């Protein structure tokens, strides 16, 4: 319920131009580890995290990044079989952080894919799985505020891969400590 209220507030603030974007410098890999541990313990699901490339200190909005990743992981958990692990990876290069969430869930039908970022829109194949249709709208808003990109590769019955790429706007962790 608290996530739903947060999502509604995020979208409402964004719509009226009042959503604050307050980036700060932080260790991106540590942030991801903590988020995965937190979600794994509260959702009782196996989340597998890996990090590749030179980890960076990032200059991003932690609150928005948390909302973005939490919504993506929640969707992956919600629409996947209980025994199927969810994979999250962080890949870093010189200028970009790329997050990828991969599941083995129900997937998104091709006819639904053009509308998945619309508020309250849900795929036709969700059946009795509860949801509000806010999550991907929030994710898209958070990605846009970071001037990033999002792509979704999904096939019904085979799962979904969501890739989010966000510029660092910060110094390398190893050089600046």
Protein backbone atom coordinates (compact mmCIF):
# COMPACT_ATOMS: atom_id res chain seq x y z
CA UNK A 1 0.00 0.00 0.00
CA UNK A 2 2.81 2.42 0.85
CA UNK A 3 4.46 1.71 -2.54
CA UNK A 4 1.17 2.51 -4.29
CA UNK A 5 0.85 5.83 -2.48
CA UNK A 6 4.47 6.66 -3.32
CA UNK A 7 3.83 5.78 -6.97
CA UNK A 8 0.71 7.96 -7.15
CA UNK A 9 2.55 10.88 -5.54
CA UNK A 10 5.51 10.47 -7.90
CA UNK A 11 3.28 10.51 -10.98
CA UNK A 12 1.13 13.39 -9.72
CA UNK A 13 4.16 15.52 -8.88
CA UNK A 14 5.74 14.74 -12.24
CA UNK A 15 2.55 15.66 -14.06
CA UNK A 16 2.36 19.10 -12.44
CA UNK A 17 6.11 19.70 -12.74
CA UNK A 18 6.75 19.47 -8.99
CA UNK A 19 8.71 16.21 -8.82
CA UNK A 20 12.09 17.05 -7.35
CA UNK A 21 15.21 15.69 -8.98
CA UNK A 22 17.97 15.83 -6.38
CA UNK A 23 21.04 13.89 -7.49
CA UNK A 24 23.81 13.10 -5.04
CA UNK A 25 27.10 11.25 -5.21
CA UNK A 26 27.01 7.64 -3.96
CA UNK A 27 28.48 4.18 -4.55
CA UNK A 28 26.16 2.57 -7.07
CA UNK A 29 27.17 -1.05 -6.48
CA UNK A 30 26.67 -0.77 -2.70
CA UNK A 31 23.29 0.86 -3.29
CA UNK A 32 22.22 -2.03 -5.55
CA UNK A 33 23.46 -4.68 -3.11
CA UNK A 34 21.47 -3.10 -0.27
CA UNK A 35 18.31 -2.78 -2.36
CA UNK A 36 18.51 -6.40 -3.52
CA UNK A 37 19.08 -7.66 0.04
CA UNK A 38 16.16 -5.59 1.30
CA UNK A 39 13.79 -6.83 -1.41
CA UNK A 40 14.95 -10.41 -1.08
CA UNK A 41 14.24 -10.44 2.65
CA UNK A 42 10.83 -8.71 2.41
CA UNK A 43 9.60 -10.65 -0.63
CA UNK A 44 11.16 -14.01 0.27
CA UNK A 45 12.34 -14.52 -3.31
CA UNK A 46 15.68 -15.40 -4.82
CA UNK A 47 17.23 -12.34 -6.45
CA UNK A 48 20.60 -12.81 -8.13
CA UNK A 49 22.72 -9.66 -8.45
CA UNK A 50 25.93 -9.26 -10.40
CA UNK A 51 28.06 -6.26 -11.26
CA UNK A 52 30.42 -5.92 -14.21
CA UNK A 53 32.83 -3.24 -15.32
CA UNK A 54 34.46 -0.55 -13.28
CA UNK A 55 32.03 0.44 -10.56
CA UNK A 56 31.42 4.14 -10.42
CA UNK A 57 30.40 6.62 -7.87
CA UNK A 58 27.28 7.95 -9.45
CA UNK A 59 25.56 11.28 -9.36
CA UNK A 60 21.92 10.21 -9.47
CA UNK A 61 18.75 10.79 -7.50
CA UNK A 62 18.79 7.92 -5.00
CA UNK A 63 15.10 8.21 -4.18
CA UNK A 64 14.06 8.04 -7.84
CA UNK A 65 16.55 5.26 -8.60
CA UNK A 66 15.18 3.27 -5.66
CA UNK A 67 11.63 3.74 -6.96
CA UNK A 68 12.66 2.74 -10.47
CA UNK A 69 14.47 -0.44 -9.43
CA UNK A 70 11.91 -1.40 -6.77
CA UNK A 71 9.08 -1.19 -9.31
CA UNK A 72 10.99 -3.26 -11.87
CA UNK A 73 11.96 -5.92 -9.33
CA UNK A 74 8.43 -5.99 -7.88
CA UNK A 75 6.99 -6.59 -11.35
CA UNK A 76 9.52 -9.34 -12.06
CA UNK A 77 8.64 -11.04 -8.77
CA UNK A 78 4.89 -10.58 -9.19
CA UNK A 79 4.69 -11.98 -12.72
CA UNK A 80 7.16 -14.89 -12.30
CA UNK A 81 6.70 -18.36 -10.83
CA UNK A 82 7.61 -18.56 -7.13
CA UNK A 83 10.55 -20.89 -7.74
CA UNK A 84 12.07 -18.83 -10.58
CA UNK A 85 14.98 -16.55 -9.63
CA UNK A 86 15.04 -12.91 -10.72
CA UNK A 87 18.30 -11.60 -12.14
CA UNK A 88 19.52 -8.03 -11.77
CA UNK A 89 22.79 -6.85 -13.21
CA UNK A 90 24.71 -3.60 -13.12
CA UNK A 91 27.13 -2.97 -15.97
CA UNK A 92 29.35 0.09 -15.88
CA UNK A 93 31.38 1.71 -18.62
CA UNK A 94 33.04 5.10 -18.85
CA UNK A 95 29.84 7.15 -18.98
CA UNK A 96 26.82 4.92 -18.38
CA UNK A 97 25.32 2.65 -15.78
CA UNK A 98 23.19 -0.09 -17.29
CA UNK A 99 20.73 -1.98 -15.11
CA UNK A 100 19.11 -5.13 -16.41
CA UNK A 101 16.30 -7.03 -14.72
CA UNK A 102 15.49 -10.44 -16.19
CA UNK A 103 12.67 -12.75 -15.21
CA UNK A 104 11.07 -15.97 -16.38
CA UNK A 105 7.53 -14.73 -15.98
CA UNK A 106 4.37 -14.46 -18.04
CA UNK A 107 5.83 -11.88 -20.43
CA UNK A 108 4.04 -8.99 -22.12
CA UNK A 109 1.96 -9.68 -25.25
CA UNK A 110 3.16 -7.74 -28.34
CA UNK A 111 -0.17 -5.93 -28.65
CA UNK A 112 0.19 -4.56 -25.09
CA UNK A 113 3.81 -3.42 -25.39
CA UNK A 114 3.15 0.00 -27.02
CA UNK A 115 0.97 1.01 -24.04
CA UNK A 116 2.89 -0.37 -21.05
CA UNK A 117 4.08 3.04 -19.83
CA UNK A 118 0.54 4.44 -19.67
CA UNK A 119 -0.85 5.11 -16.21
CA UNK A 120 -3.23 2.34 -15.06
CA UNK A 121 -2.58 0.21 -18.15
CA UNK A 122 -2.11 -3.52 -17.53
CA UNK A 123 -1.43 -6.32 -19.96
CA UNK A 124 -4.28 -8.52 -21.12
CA UNK A 125 -2.58 -11.64 -19.81
CA UNK A 126 -2.27 -10.66 -16.13
CA UNK A 127 -5.32 -12.70 -15.13
CA UNK A 128 -5.99 -12.46 -11.40
CA UNK A 129 -2.52 -11.13 -10.51
CA UNK A 130 -3.15 -7.96 -8.53
CA UNK A 131 -1.66 -4.66 -9.59
CA UNK A 132 -2.45 -1.01 -10.26
CA UNK A 133 -0.82 -0.32 -13.61
CA UNK A 134 1.34 2.42 -12.07
CA UNK A 135 4.74 0.72 -11.84
CA UNK A 136 6.04 1.10 -15.39
CA UNK A 137 4.67 4.65 -15.64
CA UNK A 138 6.72 5.51 -12.53
CA UNK A 139 9.78 3.73 -13.96
CA UNK A 140 9.53 5.68 -17.23
CA UNK A 141 9.18 8.97 -15.33
CA UNK A 142 12.29 8.20 -13.22
CA UNK A 143 14.31 7.15 -16.28
CA UNK A 144 13.32 10.32 -18.14
CA UNK A 145 14.31 12.56 -15.22
CA UNK A 146 17.76 10.92 -15.24
CA UNK A 147 17.94 11.49 -19.02
CA UNK A 148 18.27 7.75 -19.47
CA UNK A 149 16.76 5.12 -21.75
CA UNK A 150 14.61 2.08 -21.14
CA UNK A 151 13.99 -0.91 -23.38
CA UNK A 152 11.81 -3.92 -22.75
CA UNK A 153 12.23 -7.25 -24.52
CA UNK A 154 9.37 -9.53 -23.63
CA UNK A 155 7.79 -12.67 -25.00
CA UNK A 156 4.61 -14.19 -23.58
CA UNK A 157 5.39 -17.31 -21.56
CA UNK A 158 9.15 -16.73 -21.77
CA UNK A 159 9.72 -13.73 -19.53
CA UNK A 160 10.90 -10.16 -19.74
CA UNK A 161 14.23 -8.36 -19.89
CA UNK A 162 14.16 -4.68 -18.91
CA UNK A 163 17.27 -2.64 -19.64
CA UNK A 164 17.72 0.84 -18.19
CA UNK A 165 20.72 2.97 -19.11
CA UNK A 166 21.51 6.10 -17.10
CA UNK A 167 24.45 8.51 -17.46
CA UNK A 168 26.72 8.68 -14.37
CA UNK A 169 27.38 12.38 -14.13
CA UNK A 170 30.07 11.53 -11.59
CA UNK A 171 33.71 10.56 -11.08
CA UNK A 172 35.03 7.04 -11.05
CA UNK A 173 34.84 5.48 -7.61
CA UNK A 174 38.36 4.06 -7.77
CA UNK A 175 39.95 7.41 -8.64
CA UNK A 176 38.11 9.68 -6.21
CA UNK A 177 37.38 7.24 -3.40
